[in-house]
Amino acid sequence: MRFRLDLAYDGTAFEGWQTQSRPHPEEDGRSVQSEIEKALSTIAKRPVAVVGAGRTDSGVHARGQTAHFDAETTMTGPQFVRGLNSLLPRDVRIWNCEPVDSNFHARFSALGRVYYYHLAEAAVLMPWDYNYVYRVTELPPLKLLNSIAGTLQGEMDFTTFAHIRDPNPNKTRYIYHASFFPQRDRVIFQIAGNAFLWRMVRSLVGTMLRVAAQGGGREEFVEILNIRDRKKVGPTAPAQGLYLQRVIYHEREFAF
């Protein structure tokens, strides 16, 4: 039987979602995937593999990561939720588990992913915000930022914003939506796409902020996008502001 998991995690103390495999196992970093597999294997009394919808890097958080696993069991979804949360560390929480069709695949069945990037305009961050938001001393006007973000729609080659070690030969991705909006004491950059390159969202955020801060706008940003030269981008925004907000599996979930 195949089960879908929906979960959240604080990425501060993790190397990322995916289990790391190094020549010396004692050097392997802590991963969300390995924590869940360890807990599931304890419940099932045998090794259980977990497949996630997408990877998140070291320090990146998730409010709506999705994964799947297969198990021969009579346990129900709510029983798995209770059992897993009793075994998992406090920085990982399962908030839904349900049986799904065997054709469901957390990664390949996904139509899109939605990421939020949290920004705060502040002279000083409170201690409890330090690992969860990117502080800037002065944010450009939202109207200008949204004018730039509005250029990110449709199918594009994101070679400019791909990390030099990104292994994907195809750098083309489809963006459904991108915008900035205020949320209490923060500004959120929301972006939805079919998939993302390694550190692409953080690179986009850093470049949009730099272009706007230097008095540029849509034209300057589009020129950087089209030039396909990594040297033209701004600084990559830090990991702690980025959240995997949700994964989209049905057309009805495309609401932004």
C-alpha atoms as a PDB file:
ATOM      1  CA  MET A   1       0.000   0.000   0.000  1.00  0.00           C
ATOM      2  CA  ARG A   2       1.263   3.482  -0.860  1.00  0.00           C
ATOM      3  CA  PHE A   3       0.869   6.403   1.535  1.00  0.00           C
ATOM      4  CA  ARG A   4       1.191  10.132   0.992  1.00  0.00           C
ATOM      5  CA  LEU A   5       2.828  12.197   3.720  1.00  0.00           C
ATOM      6  CA  ASP A   6       2.449  15.952   4.142  1.00  0.00           C
ATOM      7  CA  LEU A   7       4.939  17.475   6.526  1.00  0.00           C
ATOM      8  CA  ALA A   8       6.690  20.569   7.799  1.00  0.00           C
ATOM      9  CA  TYR A   9      10.191  21.060   9.103  1.00  0.00           C
ATOM     10  CA  ASP A  10      12.557  23.641  10.480  1.00  0.00           C
ATOM     11  CA  GLY A  11      15.572  23.361   8.207  1.00  0.00           C
ATOM     12  CA  THR A  12      18.010  25.157  10.510  1.00  0.00           C
ATOM     13  CA  ALA A  13      19.784  22.051  11.813  1.00  0.00           C
ATOM     14  CA  PHE A  14      19.492  19.986   8.601  1.00  0.00           C
ATOM     15  CA  GLU A  15      21.807  19.675   5.620  1.00  0.00           C
ATOM     16  CA  GLY A  16      18.649  19.503   3.550  1.00  0.00           C
ATOM     17  CA  TRP A  17      15.860  17.129   2.627  1.00  0.00           C
ATOM     18  CA  GLN A  18      17.878  14.408   0.939  1.00  0.00           C
ATOM     19  CA  THR A  19      19.918  11.777   2.718  1.00  0.00           C
ATOM     20  CA  GLN A  20      23.613  12.432   2.133  1.00  0.00           C
ATOM     21  CA  SER A  21      25.910   9.598   1.152  1.00  0.00           C
ATOM     22  CA  ARG A  22      29.618  10.136   1.741  1.00  0.00           C
ATOM     23  CA  PRO A  23      32.585   7.738   1.635  1.00  0.00           C
ATOM     24  CA  HIS A  24      32.686   7.846   5.440  1.00  0.00           C
ATOM     25  CA  PRO A  25      29.168   7.386   6.872  1.00  0.00           C
ATOM     26  CA  GLU A  26      30.103   9.107  10.125  1.00  0.00           C
ATOM     27  CA  GLU A  27      30.471  12.325   8.090  1.00  0.00           C
ATOM     28  CA  ASP A  28      26.941  12.161   6.690  1.00  0.00           C
ATOM     29  CA  GLY A  29      24.930  15.257   7.564  1.00  0.00           C
ATOM     30  CA  ARG A  30      21.517  15.203   9.191  1.00  0.00           C
ATOM     31  CA  SER A  31      18.662  15.080   6.654  1.00  0.00           C
ATOM     32  CA  VAL A  32      14.872  15.216   6.928  1.00  0.00           C
ATOM     33  CA  GLN A  33      14.512  12.171   4.681  1.00  0.00           C
ATOM     34  CA  SER A  34      16.733  10.027   6.903  1.00  0.00           C
ATOM     35  CA  GLU A  35      14.864  11.059  10.070  1.00  0.00           C
ATOM     36  CA  ILE A  36      11.528  10.024   8.553  1.00  0.00           C
ATOM     37  CA  GLU A  37      12.913   6.781   7.137  1.00  0.00           C
ATOM     38  CA  LYS A  38      14.357   5.900  10.529  1.00  0.00           C
ATOM     39  CA  ALA A  39      11.010   6.518  12.257  1.00  0.00           C
ATOM     40  CA  LEU A  40       9.039   4.609   9.602  1.00  0.00           C
ATOM     41  CA  SER A  41      11.428   1.674   9.740  1.00  0.00           C
ATOM     42  CA  THR A  42      10.955   1.510  13.500  1.00  0.00           C
ATOM     43  CA  ILE A  43       7.179   1.372  13.078  1.00  0.00           C
ATOM     44  CA  ALA A  44       7.270  -1.133  10.188  1.00  0.00           C
ATOM     45  CA  LYS A  45      10.105  -3.194  11.720  1.00  0.00           C
ATOM     46  CA  ARG A  46      11.877  -3.200   8.358  1.00  0.00           C
ATOM     47  CA  PRO A  47      13.617  -0.618   6.142  1.00  0.00           C
ATOM     48  CA  VAL A  48      11.198   1.831   4.495  1.00  0.00           C
ATOM     49  CA  ALA A  49      12.250   4.234   1.747  1.00  0.00           C
ATOM     50  CA  VAL A  50      10.711   7.701   1.510  1.00  0.00           C
ATOM     51  CA  VAL A  51      10.493   9.740  -1.716  1.00  0.00           C
ATOM     52  CA  GLY A  52      10.074  13.507  -1.486  1.00  0.00           C
ATOM     53  CA  ALA A  53       8.477  15.947  -3.913  1.00  0.00           C
ATOM     54  CA  GLY A  54      11.664  17.946  -4.087  1.00  0.00           C
ATOM     55  CA  ARG A  55      14.964  18.667  -2.414  1.00  0.00           C
ATOM     56  CA  THR A  56      15.548  21.588  -0.101  1.00  0.00           C
ATOM     57  CA  ASP A  57      19.029  22.830   0.749  1.00  0.00           C
ATOM     58  CA  SER A  58      20.733  23.230   4.088  1.00  0.00           C
ATOM     59  CA  GLY A  59      18.887  25.771   6.227  1.00  0.00           C
ATOM     60  CA  VAL A  60      15.773  25.890   4.002  1.00  0.00           C
ATOM     61  CA  HIS A  61      12.420  25.238   5.680  1.00  0.00           C
ATOM     62  CA  ALA A  62       9.175  23.584   4.566  1.00  0.00           C
ATOM     63  CA  ARG A  63       5.570  24.188   5.527  1.00  0.00           C
ATOM     64  CA  GLY A  64       4.177  21.854   2.876  1.00  0.00           C
ATOM     65  CA  GLN A  65       6.652  19.223   1.744  1.00  0.00           C
ATOM     66  CA  THR A  66       5.055  16.046   0.350  1.00  0.00           C
ATOM     67  CA  ALA A  67       6.501  12.544   0.273  1.00  0.00           C
ATOM     68  CA  HIS A  68       5.364   8.968  -0.269  1.00  0.00           C
ATOM     69  CA  PHE A  69       6.291   5.534   1.024  1.00  0.00           C
ATOM     70  CA  ASP A  70       5.153   1.940   0.516  1.00  0.00           C
ATOM     71  CA  ALA A  71       4.293  -0.397   3.376  1.00  0.00           C
ATOM     72  CA  GLU A  72       2.474  -3.652   3.995  1.00  0.00           C
ATOM     73  CA  THR A  73       0.383  -2.620   6.968  1.00  0.00           C
ATOM     74  CA  THR A  74      -3.059  -2.457   8.542  1.00  0.00           C
ATOM     75  CA  MET A  75      -2.291   0.949  10.063  1.00  0.00           C
ATOM     76  CA  THR A  76      -4.380   3.944   9.032  1.00  0.00           C
ATOM     77  CA  GLY A  77      -3.107   7.347   8.015  1.00  0.00           C
ATOM     78  CA  PRO A  78      -3.955   9.004  11.370  1.00  0.00           C
ATOM     79  CA  GLN A  79      -2.165   6.168  13.174  1.00  0.00           C
ATOM     80  CA  PHE A  80       0.950   6.816  11.115  1.00  0.00           C
ATOM     81  CA  VAL A  81       0.714  10.541  11.941  1.00  0.00           C
ATOM     82  CA  ARG A  82       0.607   9.828  15.674  1.00  0.00           C
ATOM     83  CA  GLY A  83       3.279   7.139  15.515  1.00  0.00           C
ATOM     84  CA  LEU A  84       5.702   9.143  13.415  1.00  0.00           C
ATOM     85  CA  ASN A  85       5.339  12.339  15.444  1.00  0.00           C
ATOM     86  CA  SER A  86       6.040  10.367  18.621  1.00  0.00           C
ATOM     87  CA  LEU A  87       9.364   9.200  17.154  1.00  0.00           C
ATOM     88  CA  LEU A  88      10.486  12.197  15.102  1.00  0.00           C
ATOM     89  CA  PRO A  89      12.509  15.091  16.509  1.00  0.00           C
ATOM     90  CA  ARG A  90      10.584  18.285  17.199  1.00  0.00           C
ATOM     91  CA  ASP A  91      11.906  20.036  14.090  1.00  0.00           C
ATOM     92  CA  VAL A  92       9.964  17.633  11.840  1.00  0.00           C
ATOM     93  CA  ARG A  93       6.168  17.264  12.034  1.00  0.00           C
ATOM     94  CA  ILE A  94       3.847  15.091   9.955  1.00  0.00           C
ATOM     95  CA  TRP A  95       0.482  16.814   9.585  1.00  0.00           C
ATOM     96  CA  ASN A  96      -1.212  14.414   7.156  1.00  0.00           C
ATOM     97  CA  CYS A  97      -0.888  10.806   6.039  1.00  0.00           C
ATOM     98  CA  GLU A  98      -3.323   9.061   3.711  1.00  0.00           C
ATOM     99  CA  PRO A  99      -3.399   6.027   1.402  1.00  0.00           C
ATOM    100  CA  VAL A 100      -3.092   6.867  -2.279  1.00  0.00           C
ATOM    101  CA  ASP A 101      -3.176   5.069  -5.601  1.00  0.00           C
ATOM    102  CA  SER A 102      -0.024   3.116  -6.372  1.00  0.00           C
ATOM    103  CA  ASN A 103       0.537   5.383  -9.392  1.00  0.00           C
ATOM    104  CA  PHE A 104       0.943   8.418  -7.160  1.00  0.00           C
ATOM    105  CA  HIS A 105       4.540   9.649  -7.012  1.00  0.00           C
ATOM    106  CA  ALA A 106       5.454  12.542  -4.723  1.00  0.00           C
ATOM    107  CA  ARG A 107       7.927  13.932  -7.237  1.00  0.00           C
ATOM    108  CA  PHE A 108       6.728  12.916 -10.690  1.00  0.00           C
ATOM    109  CA  SER A 109       3.000  13.411 -10.044  1.00  0.00           C
ATOM    110  CA  ALA A 110       3.555  17.006  -8.949  1.00  0.00           C
ATOM    111  CA  LEU A 111       2.342  19.721 -11.303  1.00  0.00           C
ATOM    112  CA  GLY A 112       4.110  22.503  -9.453  1.00  0.00           C
ATOM    113  CA  ARG A 113       5.875  23.730  -6.351  1.00  0.00           C
ATOM    114  CA  VAL A 114       5.245  26.953  -4.459  1.00  0.00           C
ATOM    115  CA  TYR A 115       8.052  28.661  -2.549  1.00  0.00           C
ATOM    116  CA  TYR A 116       7.853  31.632  -0.191  1.00  0.00           C
ATOM    117  CA  TYR A 117      10.835  33.818   0.611  1.00  0.00           C
ATOM    118  CA  HIS A 118      10.515  35.853   3.834  1.00  0.00           C
ATOM    119  CA  LEU A 119      12.055  39.327   4.026  1.00  0.00           C
ATOM    120  CA  ALA A 120      12.063  41.831   6.882  1.00  0.00           C
ATOM    121  CA  GLU A 121      13.022  45.493   6.725  1.00  0.00           C
ATOM    122  CA  ALA A 122      14.572  46.048  10.131  1.00  0.00           C
ATOM    123  CA  ALA A 123      17.614  47.496  11.848  1.00  0.00           C
ATOM    124  CA  VAL A 124      17.667  44.534  14.224  1.00  0.00           C
ATOM    125  CA  LEU A 125      16.015  41.103  14.086  1.00  0.00           C
ATOM    126  CA  MET A 126      14.520  39.558  17.179  1.00  0.00           C
ATOM    127  CA  PRO A 127      16.392  36.406  18.281  1.00  0.00           C
ATOM    128  CA  TRP A 128      13.473  34.119  17.383  1.00  0.00           C
ATOM    129  CA  ASP A 129      13.405  35.434  13.789  1.00  0.00           C
ATOM    130  CA  TYR A 130      17.103  35.063  13.049  1.00  0.00           C
ATOM    131  CA  ASN A 131      16.901  31.614  11.424  1.00  0.00           C
ATOM    132  CA  TYR A 132      13.621  32.214   9.585  1.00  0.00           C
ATOM    133  CA  VAL A 133      13.788  35.517   7.723  1.00  0.00           C
ATOM    134  CA  TYR A 134      16.264  37.566   5.691  1.00  0.00           C
ATOM    135  CA  ARG A 135      16.823  40.999   7.202  1.00  0.00           C
ATOM    136  CA  VAL A 136      17.453  43.952   4.910  1.00  0.00           C
ATOM    137  CA  THR A 137      18.005  47.478   6.110  1.00  0.00           C
ATOM    138  CA  GLU A 138      15.858  48.988   3.365  1.00  0.00           C
ATOM    139  CA  LEU A 139      13.452  47.250   1.009  1.00  0.00           C
ATOM    140  CA  PRO A 140      12.743  48.756  -2.414  1.00  0.00           C
ATOM    141  CA  PRO A 141       9.099  49.783  -3.013  1.00  0.00           C
ATOM    142  CA  LEU A 142       6.732  46.842  -3.495  1.00  0.00           C
ATOM    143  CA  LYS A 143       5.401  48.354  -6.714  1.00  0.00           C
ATOM    144  CA  LEU A 144       8.893  48.268  -8.213  1.00  0.00           C
ATOM    145  CA  LEU A 145       9.614  44.751  -6.942  1.00  0.00           C
ATOM    146  CA  ASN A 146       6.332  43.473  -8.381  1.00  0.00           C
ATOM    147  CA  SER A 147       7.041  45.131 -11.695  1.00  0.00           C
ATOM    148  CA  ILE A 148      10.278  43.142 -11.864  1.00  0.00           C
ATOM    149  CA  ALA A 149       8.673  39.916 -10.593  1.00  0.00           C
ATOM    150  CA  GLY A 150       5.969  40.278 -13.236  1.00  0.00           C
ATOM    151  CA  THR A 151       8.524  39.419 -15.908  1.00  0.00           C
ATOM    152  CA  LEU A 152       8.792  35.912 -14.429  1.00  0.00           C
ATOM    153  CA  GLN A 153       5.888  34.200 -16.130  1.00  0.00           C
ATOM    154  CA  GLY A 154       5.937  31.458 -18.714  1.00  0.00           C
ATOM    155  CA  GLU A 155       8.644  29.133 -19.961  1.00  0.00           C
ATOM    156  CA  MET A 156      12.158  30.537 -19.669  1.00  0.00           C
ATOM    157  CA  ASP A 157      15.789  29.512 -19.705  1.00  0.00           C
ATOM    158  CA  PHE A 158      17.114  30.185 -16.190  1.00  0.00           C
ATOM    159  CA  THR A 159      20.783  29.477 -16.912  1.00  0.00           C
ATOM    160  CA  THR A 160      21.658  32.880 -15.434  1.00  0.00           C
ATOM    161  CA  PHE A 161      20.161  31.878 -12.077  1.00  0.00           C
ATOM    162  CA  ALA A 162      21.439  28.301 -11.940  1.00  0.00           C
ATOM    163  CA  HIS A 163      24.185  27.479  -9.480  1.00  0.00           C
ATOM    164  CA  ILE A 164      27.445  26.540 -11.169  1.00  0.00           C
ATOM    165  CA  ARG A 165      27.159  23.012  -9.714  1.00  0.00           C
ATOM    166  CA  ASP A 166      23.549  22.460 -10.769  1.00  0.00           C
ATOM    167  CA  PRO A 167      23.575  19.058 -12.514  1.00  0.00           C
ATOM    168  CA  ASN A 168      20.506  19.651 -14.725  1.00  0.00           C
ATOM    169  CA  PRO A 169      21.477  19.928 -18.415  1.00  0.00           C
ATOM    170  CA  ASN A 170      18.118  21.558 -19.196  1.00  0.00           C
ATOM    171  CA  LYS A 171      17.800  24.941 -17.472  1.00  0.00           C
ATOM    172  CA  THR A 172      14.317  25.706 -18.846  1.00  0.00           C
ATOM    173  CA  ARG A 173      11.497  25.969 -16.295  1.00  0.00           C
ATOM    174  CA  TYR A 174       7.882  27.153 -16.406  1.00  0.00           C
ATOM    175  CA  ILE A 175       6.825  29.833 -13.907  1.00  0.00           C
ATOM    176  CA  TYR A 176       3.105  30.140 -13.176  1.00  0.00           C
ATOM    177  CA  HIS A 177       3.218  33.095 -10.831  1.00  0.00           C
ATOM    178  CA  ALA A 178       5.662  35.395  -9.036  1.00  0.00           C
ATOM    179  CA  SER A 179       4.874  38.343  -6.761  1.00  0.00           C
ATOM    180  CA  PHE A 180       5.762  40.196  -3.561  1.00  0.00           C
ATOM    181  CA  PHE A 181       3.156  40.877  -0.880  1.00  0.00           C
ATOM    182  CA  PRO A 182       3.149  42.235   2.699  1.00  0.00           C
ATOM    183  CA  GLN A 183       2.366  39.896   5.592  1.00  0.00           C
ATOM    184  CA  ARG A 184       2.371  41.492   9.046  1.00  0.00           C
ATOM    185  CA  ASP A 185       5.957  42.655   9.694  1.00  0.00           C
ATOM    186  CA  ARG A 186       7.372  40.830   6.676  1.00  0.00           C
ATOM    187  CA  VAL A 187       7.355  40.976   2.905  1.00  0.00           C
ATOM    188  CA  ILE A 188       6.906  37.646   1.140  1.00  0.00           C
ATOM    189  CA  PHE A 189       8.128  36.761  -2.316  1.00  0.00           C
ATOM    190  CA  GLN A 190       5.883  34.009  -3.693  1.00  0.00           C
ATOM    191  CA  ILE A 191       6.875  31.980  -6.732  1.00  0.00           C
ATOM    192  CA  ALA A 192       5.189  28.939  -8.299  1.00  0.00           C
ATOM    193  CA  GLY A 193       6.718  26.841 -11.032  1.00  0.00           C
ATOM    194  CA  ASN A 194       6.754  23.356 -12.446  1.00  0.00           C
ATOM    195  CA  ALA A 195      10.218  22.845 -10.929  1.00  0.00           C
ATOM    196  CA  PHE A 196      13.254  24.841  -9.833  1.00  0.00           C
ATOM    197  CA  LEU A 197      16.992  24.685 -10.331  1.00  0.00           C
ATOM    198  CA  TRP A 198      19.412  24.450  -7.434  1.00  0.00           C
ATOM    199  CA  ARG A 199      19.371  27.771  -5.500  1.00  0.00           C
ATOM    200  CA  MET A 200      17.364  29.377  -8.306  1.00  0.00           C
ATOM    201  CA  VAL A 201      14.780  31.056  -6.053  1.00  0.00           C
ATOM    202  CA  ARG A 202      17.435  32.506  -3.751  1.00  0.00           C
ATOM    203  CA  SER A 203      19.387  33.790  -6.743  1.00  0.00           C
ATOM    204  CA  LEU A 204      16.258  35.415  -8.185  1.00  0.00           C
ATOM    205  CA  VAL A 205      15.501  37.152  -4.885  1.00  0.00           C
ATOM    206  CA  GLY A 206      19.041  38.468  -4.479  1.00  0.00           C
ATOM    207  CA  THR A 207      19.146  39.778  -8.040  1.00  0.00           C
ATOM    208  CA  MET A 208      15.712  41.435  -7.928  1.00  0.00           C
ATOM    209  CA  LEU A 209      16.669  43.208  -4.699  1.00  0.00           C
ATOM    210  CA  ARG A 210      19.954  44.422  -6.172  1.00  0.00           C
ATOM    211  CA  VAL A 211      18.413  45.621  -9.438  1.00  0.00           C
ATOM    212  CA  ALA A 212      15.689  47.531  -7.574  1.00  0.00           C
ATOM    213  CA  ALA A 213      18.124  48.984  -5.014  1.00  0.00           C
ATOM    214  CA  GLN A 214      20.319  50.308  -7.839  1.00  0.00           C
ATOM    215  CA  GLY A 215      17.359  52.069  -9.446  1.00  0.00           C
ATOM    216  CA  GLY A 216      16.793  49.515 -12.190  1.00  0.00           C
ATOM    217  CA  GLY A 217      13.556  47.871 -13.224  1.00  0.00           C
ATOM    218  CA  ARG A 218      11.993  45.353 -15.580  1.00  0.00           C
ATOM    219  CA  GLU A 219      14.302  46.030 -18.508  1.00  0.00           C
ATOM    220  CA  GLU A 220      17.485  45.614 -16.498  1.00  0.00           C
ATOM    221  CA  PHE A 221      16.249  42.394 -14.914  1.00  0.00           C
ATOM    222  CA  VAL A 222      15.111  40.873 -18.228  1.00  0.00           C
ATOM    223  CA  GLU A 223      18.500  41.709 -19.720  1.00  0.00           C
ATOM    224  CA  ILE A 224      20.202  39.773 -16.880  1.00  0.00           C
ATOM    225  CA  LEU A 225      17.801  36.854 -17.366  1.00  0.00           C
ATOM    226  CA  ASN A 226      18.401  36.693 -21.108  1.00  0.00           C
ATOM    227  CA  ILE A 227      22.184  37.091 -21.044  1.00  0.00           C
ATOM    228  CA  ARG A 228      22.602  33.611 -19.469  1.00  0.00           C
ATOM    229  CA  ASP A 229      25.753  34.634 -17.626  1.00  0.00           C
ATOM    230  CA  ARG A 230      26.029  33.688 -13.965  1.00  0.00           C
ATOM    231  CA  LYS A 231      28.461  36.547 -13.349  1.00  0.00           C
ATOM    232  CA  LYS A 232      25.678  39.108 -13.913  1.00  0.00           C
ATOM    233  CA  VAL A 233      23.465  38.058 -10.986  1.00  0.00           C
ATOM    234  CA  GLY A 234      23.243  39.675  -7.580  1.00  0.00           C
ATOM    235  CA  PRO A 235      24.252  37.965  -4.332  1.00  0.00           C
ATOM    236  CA  THR A 236      22.312  34.783  -3.561  1.00  0.00           C
ATOM    237  CA  ALA A 237      19.821  35.445  -0.781  1.00  0.00           C
ATOM    238  CA  PRO A 238      20.521  33.352   2.352  1.00  0.00           C
ATOM    239  CA  ALA A 239      18.826  30.013   2.962  1.00  0.00           C
ATOM    240  CA  GLN A 240      16.959  30.870   6.163  1.00  0.00           C
ATOM    241  CA  GLY A 241      14.360  33.007   4.390  1.00  0.00           C
ATOM    242  CA  LEU A 242      13.216  30.263   2.001  1.00  0.00           C
ATOM    243  CA  TYR A 243      10.241  27.939   2.595  1.00  0.00           C
ATOM    244  CA  LEU A 244       8.730  25.191   0.458  1.00  0.00           C
ATOM    245  CA  GLN A 245       5.149  26.304   0.980  1.00  0.00           C
ATOM    246  CA  ARG A 246       3.213  23.592  -0.849  1.00  0.00           C
ATOM    247  CA  VAL A 247       3.289  21.099  -3.687  1.00  0.00           C
ATOM    248  CA  ILE A 248       0.552  21.152  -6.326  1.00  0.00           C
ATOM    249  CA  TYR A 249      -0.982  17.903  -7.584  1.00  0.00           C
ATOM    250  CA  HIS A 250      -4.361  19.040  -8.979  1.00  0.00           C
ATOM    251  CA  GLU A 251      -5.420  21.833 -11.304  1.00  0.00           C
ATOM    252  CA  ARG A 252      -7.798  23.181  -8.640  1.00  0.00           C
ATOM    253  CA  GLU A 253      -4.798  23.943  -6.417  1.00  0.00           C
ATOM    254  CA  PHE A 254      -3.501  26.633  -8.793  1.00  0.00           C
ATOM    255  CA  ALA A 255      -4.706  29.616  -6.773  1.00  0.00           C
ATOM    256  CA  PHE A 256      -2.338  32.451  -5.881  1.00  0.00           C
END
